[in-house]
Amino acid sequence: MSGAPVIEDVFAYDGRLVRAAWRPGPWQPPRELVTQASGLCYTSAGEVLLVSQDGAHWALPGGHLEAGETLEETLRREVREEACAEVLDCAYLGCQEIQERDGDRILPSYFQTRYWARVSLGRFEPAHETRFRRMVAPGRVKAVLG
Protein backbone atom coordinates (compact mmCIF):
# COMPACT_ATOMS: atom_id res chain seq x y z
CA MET A 1 0.00 0.00 0.00
CA SER A 2 1.29 3.48 -0.83
CA GLY A 3 1.02 6.38 1.56
CA ALA A 4 3.20 4.79 4.22
CA PRO A 5 2.09 5.92 7.68
CA VAL A 6 4.13 8.65 9.31
CA ILE A 7 2.24 8.69 12.61
CA GLU A 8 0.64 5.64 14.17
CA ASP A 9 -1.24 5.21 17.46
CA VAL A 10 -3.16 2.44 19.21
CA PHE A 11 -5.84 3.26 21.77
CA ALA A 12 -9.05 1.92 23.34
CA TYR A 13 -12.33 3.42 22.16
CA ASP A 14 -15.87 2.29 22.94
CA GLY A 15 -14.68 -1.14 24.13
CA ARG A 16 -12.51 -1.77 21.06
CA LEU A 17 -8.81 -1.55 20.40
CA VAL A 18 -8.23 0.95 17.58
CA ARG A 19 -5.15 1.47 15.41
CA ALA A 20 -4.99 4.83 13.65
CA ALA A 21 -2.28 5.62 11.09
CA TRP A 22 -1.80 8.92 9.24
CA ARG A 23 -1.20 8.47 5.51
CA PRO A 24 -0.12 11.73 3.85
CA GLY A 25 -1.17 12.88 0.40
CA PRO A 26 -0.92 12.72 -2.47
CA TRP A 27 -1.85 9.05 -1.92
CA GLN A 28 -5.62 8.58 -1.59
CA PRO A 29 -7.50 5.46 -0.53
CA PRO A 30 -10.09 3.81 -2.75
CA ARG A 31 -13.32 5.87 -2.56
CA GLU A 32 -15.36 2.86 -1.38
CA LEU A 33 -13.21 2.58 1.77
CA VAL A 34 -13.61 6.25 2.78
CA THR A 35 -16.17 7.00 5.48
CA GLN A 36 -15.50 10.67 6.18
CA ALA A 37 -14.15 13.94 4.80
CA SER A 38 -13.18 16.71 7.26
CA GLY A 39 -11.38 20.00 6.94
CA LEU A 40 -8.81 22.06 8.75
CA CYS A 41 -10.70 25.23 7.86
CA TYR A 42 -9.11 28.69 8.07
CA THR A 43 -11.02 31.98 8.11
CA SER A 44 -9.81 35.19 6.47
CA ALA A 45 -8.55 36.24 9.93
CA GLY A 46 -6.29 33.18 10.04
CA GLU A 47 -8.31 31.38 12.71
CA VAL A 48 -9.31 27.72 12.60
CA LEU A 49 -13.01 26.87 12.49
CA LEU A 50 -14.28 24.22 14.94
CA VAL A 51 -17.76 22.81 15.57
CA SER A 52 -19.49 21.05 18.46
CA GLN A 53 -22.74 19.29 19.27
CA ASP A 54 -22.60 20.10 23.00
CA GLY A 55 -20.28 23.12 23.39
CA ALA A 56 -17.75 21.02 25.31
CA HIS A 57 -16.28 18.62 22.74
CA TRP A 58 -14.92 20.28 19.60
CA ALA A 59 -14.08 18.85 16.17
CA LEU A 60 -13.08 19.82 12.67
CA PRO A 61 -16.14 20.28 10.46
CA GLY A 62 -16.85 17.31 8.23
CA GLY A 63 -18.78 14.11 8.04
CA HIS A 64 -19.94 11.09 6.15
CA LEU A 65 -20.15 10.78 2.40
CA GLU A 66 -23.48 10.62 0.62
CA ALA A 67 -24.09 8.45 -2.42
CA GLY A 68 -22.50 9.85 -5.56
CA GLU A 69 -20.52 12.59 -3.80
CA THR A 70 -16.83 13.17 -4.34
CA LEU A 71 -14.69 13.68 -1.24
CA GLU A 72 -14.43 17.40 -1.97
CA GLU A 73 -18.20 17.68 -2.44
CA THR A 74 -18.68 16.00 0.94
CA LEU A 75 -16.31 18.47 2.59
CA ARG A 76 -18.09 21.45 1.03
CA ARG A 77 -21.56 20.17 2.02
CA GLU A 78 -20.56 19.28 5.58
CA VAL A 79 -18.82 22.63 6.20
CA ARG A 80 -21.92 24.43 4.88
CA GLU A 81 -24.33 22.31 6.98
CA GLU A 82 -22.31 22.15 10.21
CA ALA A 83 -20.57 25.52 10.30
CA CYS A 84 -22.65 27.76 8.01
CA ALA A 85 -19.50 28.48 6.03
CA GLU A 86 -18.53 28.20 2.38
CA VAL A 87 -15.34 26.48 1.24
CA LEU A 88 -13.55 28.94 -1.06
CA ASP A 89 -10.52 26.76 -1.73
CA CYS A 90 -9.29 23.39 -0.49
CA ALA A 91 -6.48 20.90 -0.87
CA TYR A 92 -6.18 17.26 0.12
CA LEU A 93 -3.76 16.69 3.05
CA GLY A 94 -4.03 12.94 3.61
CA CYS A 95 -6.08 10.43 5.57
CA GLN A 96 -6.28 8.40 8.72
CA GLU A 97 -6.45 4.66 8.25
CA ILE A 98 -8.57 3.19 11.04
CA GLN A 99 -8.48 -0.48 11.95
CA GLU A 100 -10.49 -1.80 14.89
CA ARG A 101 -10.17 -5.00 16.87
CA ASP A 102 -13.33 -6.37 18.46
CA GLY A 103 -12.13 -9.09 20.81
CA ASP A 104 -10.14 -11.52 18.66
CA ARG A 105 -11.68 -10.23 15.42
CA ILE A 106 -9.86 -7.59 13.34
CA LEU A 107 -12.33 -5.50 11.36
CA PRO A 108 -11.54 -4.23 7.85
CA SER A 109 -9.71 -0.91 7.62
CA TYR A 110 -11.53 2.27 6.63
CA PHE A 111 -10.28 5.79 5.95
CA GLN A 112 -11.12 9.32 7.10
CA THR A 113 -9.83 12.00 4.74
CA ARG A 114 -8.55 15.41 5.80
CA TYR A 115 -8.36 18.65 3.81
CA TRP A 116 -6.94 22.11 4.27
CA ALA A 117 -9.64 24.67 3.43
CA ARG A 118 -10.06 28.43 3.27
CA VAL A 119 -13.61 29.36 4.27
CA SER A 120 -15.96 32.31 4.32
CA LEU A 121 -18.18 32.44 7.38
CA GLY A 122 -21.91 32.96 7.04
CA ARG A 123 -24.43 33.76 9.75
CA PHE A 124 -24.43 30.81 12.14
CA GLU A 125 -27.87 29.20 12.19
CA PRO A 126 -27.60 25.65 13.56
CA ALA A 127 -29.86 23.41 11.51
CA HIS A 128 -28.26 19.98 11.78
CA GLU A 129 -26.43 18.09 14.54
CA THR A 130 -23.95 20.92 15.17
CA ARG A 131 -25.10 23.46 17.75
CA PHE A 132 -21.92 25.48 18.32
CA ARG A 133 -19.21 27.07 16.19
CA ARG A 134 -16.02 28.78 17.28
CA MET A 135 -12.81 30.10 15.82
CA VAL A 136 -9.46 29.55 17.53
CA ALA A 137 -5.89 30.61 16.89
CA PRO A 138 -3.91 27.87 15.10
CA GLY A 139 -1.65 27.41 18.13
CA ARG A 140 -4.70 26.62 20.31
CA VAL A 141 -6.33 23.98 18.09
CA LYS A 142 -4.62 20.99 19.68
CA ALA A 143 -5.58 22.09 23.22
CA VAL A 144 -9.22 22.74 22.25
CA LEU A 145 -9.60 19.44 20.41
CA GLY A 146 -8.21 17.70 23.50
C-alpha atoms as a PDB file:
ATOM      1  CA  MET A   1       0.000   0.000   0.000  1.00  0.00           C
ATOM      2  CA  SER A   2       1.295   3.476  -0.835  1.00  0.00           C
ATOM      3  CA  GLY A   3       1.018   6.383   1.559  1.00  0.00           C
ATOM      4  CA  ALA A   4       3.203   4.786   4.216  1.00  0.00           C
ATOM      5  CA  PRO A   5       2.093   5.918   7.681  1.00  0.00           C
ATOM      6  CA  VAL A   6       4.134   8.651   9.309  1.00  0.00           C
ATOM      7  CA  ILE A   7       2.239   8.685  12.608  1.00  0.00           C
ATOM      8  CA  GLU A   8       0.640   5.644  14.174  1.00  0.00           C
ATOM      9  CA  ASP A   9      -1.242   5.205  17.456  1.00  0.00           C
ATOM     10  CA  VAL A  10      -3.157   2.437  19.208  1.00  0.00           C
ATOM     11  CA  PHE A  11      -5.843   3.256  21.772  1.00  0.00           C
ATOM     12  CA  ALA A  12      -9.046   1.920  23.341  1.00  0.00           C
ATOM     13  CA  TYR A  13     -12.335   3.420  22.161  1.00  0.00           C
ATOM     14  CA  ASP A  14     -15.870   2.286  22.943  1.00  0.00           C
ATOM     15  CA  GLY A  15     -14.681  -1.138  24.131  1.00  0.00           C
ATOM     16  CA  ARG A  16     -12.511  -1.773  21.060  1.00  0.00           C
ATOM     17  CA  LEU A  17      -8.814  -1.547  20.402  1.00  0.00           C
ATOM     18  CA  VAL A  18      -8.229   0.948  17.577  1.00  0.00           C
ATOM     19  CA  ARG A  19      -5.145   1.470  15.410  1.00  0.00           C
ATOM     20  CA  ALA A  20      -4.985   4.828  13.646  1.00  0.00           C
ATOM     21  CA  ALA A  21      -2.284   5.619  11.092  1.00  0.00           C
ATOM     22  CA  TRP A  22      -1.799   8.922   9.240  1.00  0.00           C
ATOM     23  CA  ARG A  23      -1.198   8.472   5.515  1.00  0.00           C
ATOM     24  CA  PRO A  24      -0.118  11.728   3.852  1.00  0.00           C
ATOM     25  CA  GLY A  25      -1.174  12.878   0.403  1.00  0.00           C
ATOM     26  CA  PRO A  26      -0.922  12.718  -2.468  1.00  0.00           C
ATOM     27  CA  TRP A  27      -1.853   9.052  -1.921  1.00  0.00           C
ATOM     28  CA  GLN A  28      -5.621   8.584  -1.590  1.00  0.00           C
ATOM     29  CA  PRO A  29      -7.496   5.459  -0.530  1.00  0.00           C
ATOM     30  CA  PRO A  30     -10.090   3.814  -2.746  1.00  0.00           C
ATOM     31  CA  ARG A  31     -13.322   5.871  -2.555  1.00  0.00           C
ATOM     32  CA  GLU A  32     -15.364   2.861  -1.379  1.00  0.00           C
ATOM     33  CA  LEU A  33     -13.213   2.582   1.768  1.00  0.00           C
ATOM     34  CA  VAL A  34     -13.609   6.251   2.785  1.00  0.00           C
ATOM     35  CA  THR A  35     -16.174   7.000   5.476  1.00  0.00           C
ATOM     36  CA  GLN A  36     -15.503  10.674   6.178  1.00  0.00           C
ATOM     37  CA  ALA A  37     -14.147  13.944   4.804  1.00  0.00           C
ATOM     38  CA  SER A  38     -13.185  16.709   7.256  1.00  0.00           C
ATOM     39  CA  GLY A  39     -11.383  20.004   6.936  1.00  0.00           C
ATOM     40  CA  LEU A  40      -8.807  22.058   8.754  1.00  0.00           C
ATOM     41  CA  CYS A  41     -10.702  25.228   7.858  1.00  0.00           C
ATOM     42  CA  TYR A  42      -9.110  28.686   8.068  1.00  0.00           C
ATOM     43  CA  THR A  43     -11.022  31.977   8.111  1.00  0.00           C
ATOM     44  CA  SER A  44      -9.810  35.194   6.466  1.00  0.00           C
ATOM     45  CA  ALA A  45      -8.552  36.244   9.934  1.00  0.00           C
ATOM     46  CA  GLY A  46      -6.290  33.176  10.035  1.00  0.00           C
ATOM     47  CA  GLU A  47      -8.310  31.382  12.705  1.00  0.00           C
ATOM     48  CA  VAL A  48      -9.309  27.720  12.602  1.00  0.00           C
ATOM     49  CA  LEU A  49     -13.010  26.868  12.489  1.00  0.00           C
ATOM     50  CA  LEU A  50     -14.276  24.219  14.939  1.00  0.00           C
ATOM     51  CA  VAL A  51     -17.757  22.807  15.571  1.00  0.00           C
ATOM     52  CA  SER A  52     -19.489  21.050  18.458  1.00  0.00           C
ATOM     53  CA  GLN A  53     -22.742  19.292  19.274  1.00  0.00           C
ATOM     54  CA  ASP A  54     -22.596  20.099  22.997  1.00  0.00           C
ATOM     55  CA  GLY A  55     -20.283  23.120  23.393  1.00  0.00           C
ATOM     56  CA  ALA A  56     -17.752  21.024  25.310  1.00  0.00           C
ATOM     57  CA  HIS A  57     -16.284  18.619  22.735  1.00  0.00           C
ATOM     58  CA  TRP A  58     -14.924  20.277  19.595  1.00  0.00           C
ATOM     59  CA  ALA A  59     -14.082  18.845  16.173  1.00  0.00           C
ATOM     60  CA  LEU A  60     -13.080  19.817  12.669  1.00  0.00           C
ATOM     61  CA  PRO A  61     -16.141  20.280  10.461  1.00  0.00           C
ATOM     62  CA  GLY A  62     -16.847  17.309   8.232  1.00  0.00           C
ATOM     63  CA  GLY A  63     -18.777  14.108   8.039  1.00  0.00           C
ATOM     64  CA  HIS A  64     -19.944  11.090   6.152  1.00  0.00           C
ATOM     65  CA  LEU A  65     -20.148  10.784   2.396  1.00  0.00           C
ATOM     66  CA  GLU A  66     -23.482  10.616   0.622  1.00  0.00           C
ATOM     67  CA  ALA A  67     -24.094   8.452  -2.419  1.00  0.00           C
ATOM     68  CA  GLY A  68     -22.505   9.845  -5.560  1.00  0.00           C
ATOM     69  CA  GLU A  69     -20.518  12.588  -3.800  1.00  0.00           C
ATOM     70  CA  THR A  70     -16.826  13.166  -4.339  1.00  0.00           C
ATOM     71  CA  LEU A  71     -14.689  13.685  -1.244  1.00  0.00           C
ATOM     72  CA  GLU A  72     -14.429  17.401  -1.965  1.00  0.00           C
ATOM     73  CA  GLU A  73     -18.204  17.682  -2.445  1.00  0.00           C
ATOM     74  CA  THR A  74     -18.682  16.004   0.940  1.00  0.00           C
ATOM     75  CA  LEU A  75     -16.308  18.469   2.590  1.00  0.00           C
ATOM     76  CA  ARG A  76     -18.093  21.446   1.035  1.00  0.00           C
ATOM     77  CA  ARG A  77     -21.565  20.172   2.024  1.00  0.00           C
ATOM     78  CA  GLU A  78     -20.562  19.283   5.578  1.00  0.00           C
ATOM     79  CA  VAL A  79     -18.823  22.634   6.200  1.00  0.00           C
ATOM     80  CA  ARG A  80     -21.918  24.426   4.883  1.00  0.00           C
ATOM     81  CA  GLU A  81     -24.326  22.310   6.984  1.00  0.00           C
ATOM     82  CA  GLU A  82     -22.308  22.147  10.207  1.00  0.00           C
ATOM     83  CA  ALA A  83     -20.567  25.517  10.304  1.00  0.00           C
ATOM     84  CA  CYS A  84     -22.653  27.756   8.006  1.00  0.00           C
ATOM     85  CA  ALA A  85     -19.495  28.481   6.028  1.00  0.00           C
ATOM     86  CA  GLU A  86     -18.531  28.197   2.376  1.00  0.00           C
ATOM     87  CA  VAL A  87     -15.341  26.484   1.243  1.00  0.00           C
ATOM     88  CA  LEU A  88     -13.546  28.936  -1.065  1.00  0.00           C
ATOM     89  CA  ASP A  89     -10.520  26.755  -1.733  1.00  0.00           C
ATOM     90  CA  CYS A  90      -9.293  23.388  -0.488  1.00  0.00           C
ATOM     91  CA  ALA A  91      -6.479  20.901  -0.874  1.00  0.00           C
ATOM     92  CA  TYR A  92      -6.180  17.259   0.121  1.00  0.00           C
ATOM     93  CA  LEU A  93      -3.763  16.687   3.046  1.00  0.00           C
ATOM     94  CA  GLY A  94      -4.032  12.937   3.614  1.00  0.00           C
ATOM     95  CA  CYS A  95      -6.075  10.431   5.569  1.00  0.00           C
ATOM     96  CA  GLN A  96      -6.279   8.400   8.722  1.00  0.00           C
ATOM     97  CA  GLU A  97      -6.453   4.663   8.252  1.00  0.00           C
ATOM     98  CA  ILE A  98      -8.573   3.188  11.037  1.00  0.00           C
ATOM     99  CA  GLN A  99      -8.480  -0.480  11.953  1.00  0.00           C
ATOM    100  CA  GLU A 100     -10.486  -1.796  14.888  1.00  0.00           C
ATOM    101  CA  ARG A 101     -10.166  -5.003  16.874  1.00  0.00           C
ATOM    102  CA  ASP A 102     -13.331  -6.369  18.460  1.00  0.00           C
ATOM    103  CA  GLY A 103     -12.128  -9.088  20.814  1.00  0.00           C
ATOM    104  CA  ASP A 104     -10.138 -11.516  18.657  1.00  0.00           C
ATOM    105  CA  ARG A 105     -11.683 -10.225  15.418  1.00  0.00           C
ATOM    106  CA  ILE A 106      -9.856  -7.586  13.343  1.00  0.00           C
ATOM    107  CA  LEU A 107     -12.333  -5.504  11.364  1.00  0.00           C
ATOM    108  CA  PRO A 108     -11.541  -4.233   7.848  1.00  0.00           C
ATOM    109  CA  SER A 109      -9.715  -0.906   7.621  1.00  0.00           C
ATOM    110  CA  TYR A 110     -11.530   2.267   6.632  1.00  0.00           C
ATOM    111  CA  PHE A 111     -10.278   5.789   5.954  1.00  0.00           C
ATOM    112  CA  GLN A 112     -11.116   9.319   7.101  1.00  0.00           C
ATOM    113  CA  THR A 113      -9.826  11.999   4.736  1.00  0.00           C
ATOM    114  CA  ARG A 114      -8.550  15.412   5.796  1.00  0.00           C
ATOM    115  CA  TYR A 115      -8.365  18.646   3.811  1.00  0.00           C
ATOM    116  CA  TRP A 116      -6.943  22.109   4.267  1.00  0.00           C
ATOM    117  CA  ALA A 117      -9.639  24.671   3.431  1.00  0.00           C
ATOM    118  CA  ARG A 118     -10.061  28.426   3.271  1.00  0.00           C
ATOM    119  CA  VAL A 119     -13.612  29.361   4.271  1.00  0.00           C
ATOM    120  CA  SER A 120     -15.960  32.309   4.321  1.00  0.00           C
ATOM    121  CA  LEU A 121     -18.183  32.441   7.385  1.00  0.00           C
ATOM    122  CA  GLY A 122     -21.909  32.957   7.045  1.00  0.00           C
ATOM    123  CA  ARG A 123     -24.434  33.761   9.750  1.00  0.00           C
ATOM    124  CA  PHE A 124     -24.432  30.805  12.141  1.00  0.00           C
ATOM    125  CA  GLU A 125     -27.868  29.205  12.189  1.00  0.00           C
ATOM    126  CA  PRO A 126     -27.605  25.646  13.561  1.00  0.00           C
ATOM    127  CA  ALA A 127     -29.864  23.405  11.513  1.00  0.00           C
ATOM    128  CA  HIS A 128     -28.256  19.979  11.784  1.00  0.00           C
ATOM    129  CA  GLU A 129     -26.430  18.089  14.545  1.00  0.00           C
ATOM    130  CA  THR A 130     -23.946  20.923  15.166  1.00  0.00           C
ATOM    131  CA  ARG A 131     -25.101  23.456  17.748  1.00  0.00           C
ATOM    132  CA  PHE A 132     -21.917  25.479  18.320  1.00  0.00           C
ATOM    133  CA  ARG A 133     -19.207  27.065  16.189  1.00  0.00           C
ATOM    134  CA  ARG A 134     -16.016  28.779  17.277  1.00  0.00           C
ATOM    135  CA  MET A 135     -12.811  30.095  15.816  1.00  0.00           C
ATOM    136  CA  VAL A 136      -9.464  29.552  17.535  1.00  0.00           C
ATOM    137  CA  ALA A 137      -5.894  30.614  16.889  1.00  0.00           C
ATOM    138  CA  PRO A 138      -3.909  27.875  15.096  1.00  0.00           C
ATOM    139  CA  GLY A 139      -1.654  27.406  18.130  1.00  0.00           C
ATOM    140  CA  ARG A 140      -4.696  26.618  20.310  1.00  0.00           C
ATOM    141  CA  VAL A 141      -6.325  23.982  18.091  1.00  0.00           C
ATOM    142  CA  LYS A 142      -4.620  20.986  19.676  1.00  0.00           C
ATOM    143  CA  ALA A 143      -5.579  22.094  23.216  1.00  0.00           C
ATOM    144  CA  VAL A 144      -9.223  22.744  22.253  1.00  0.00           C
ATOM    145  CA  LEU A 145      -9.599  19.444  20.410  1.00  0.00           C
ATOM    146  CA  GLY A 146      -8.206  17.705  23.499  1.00  0.00           C
END
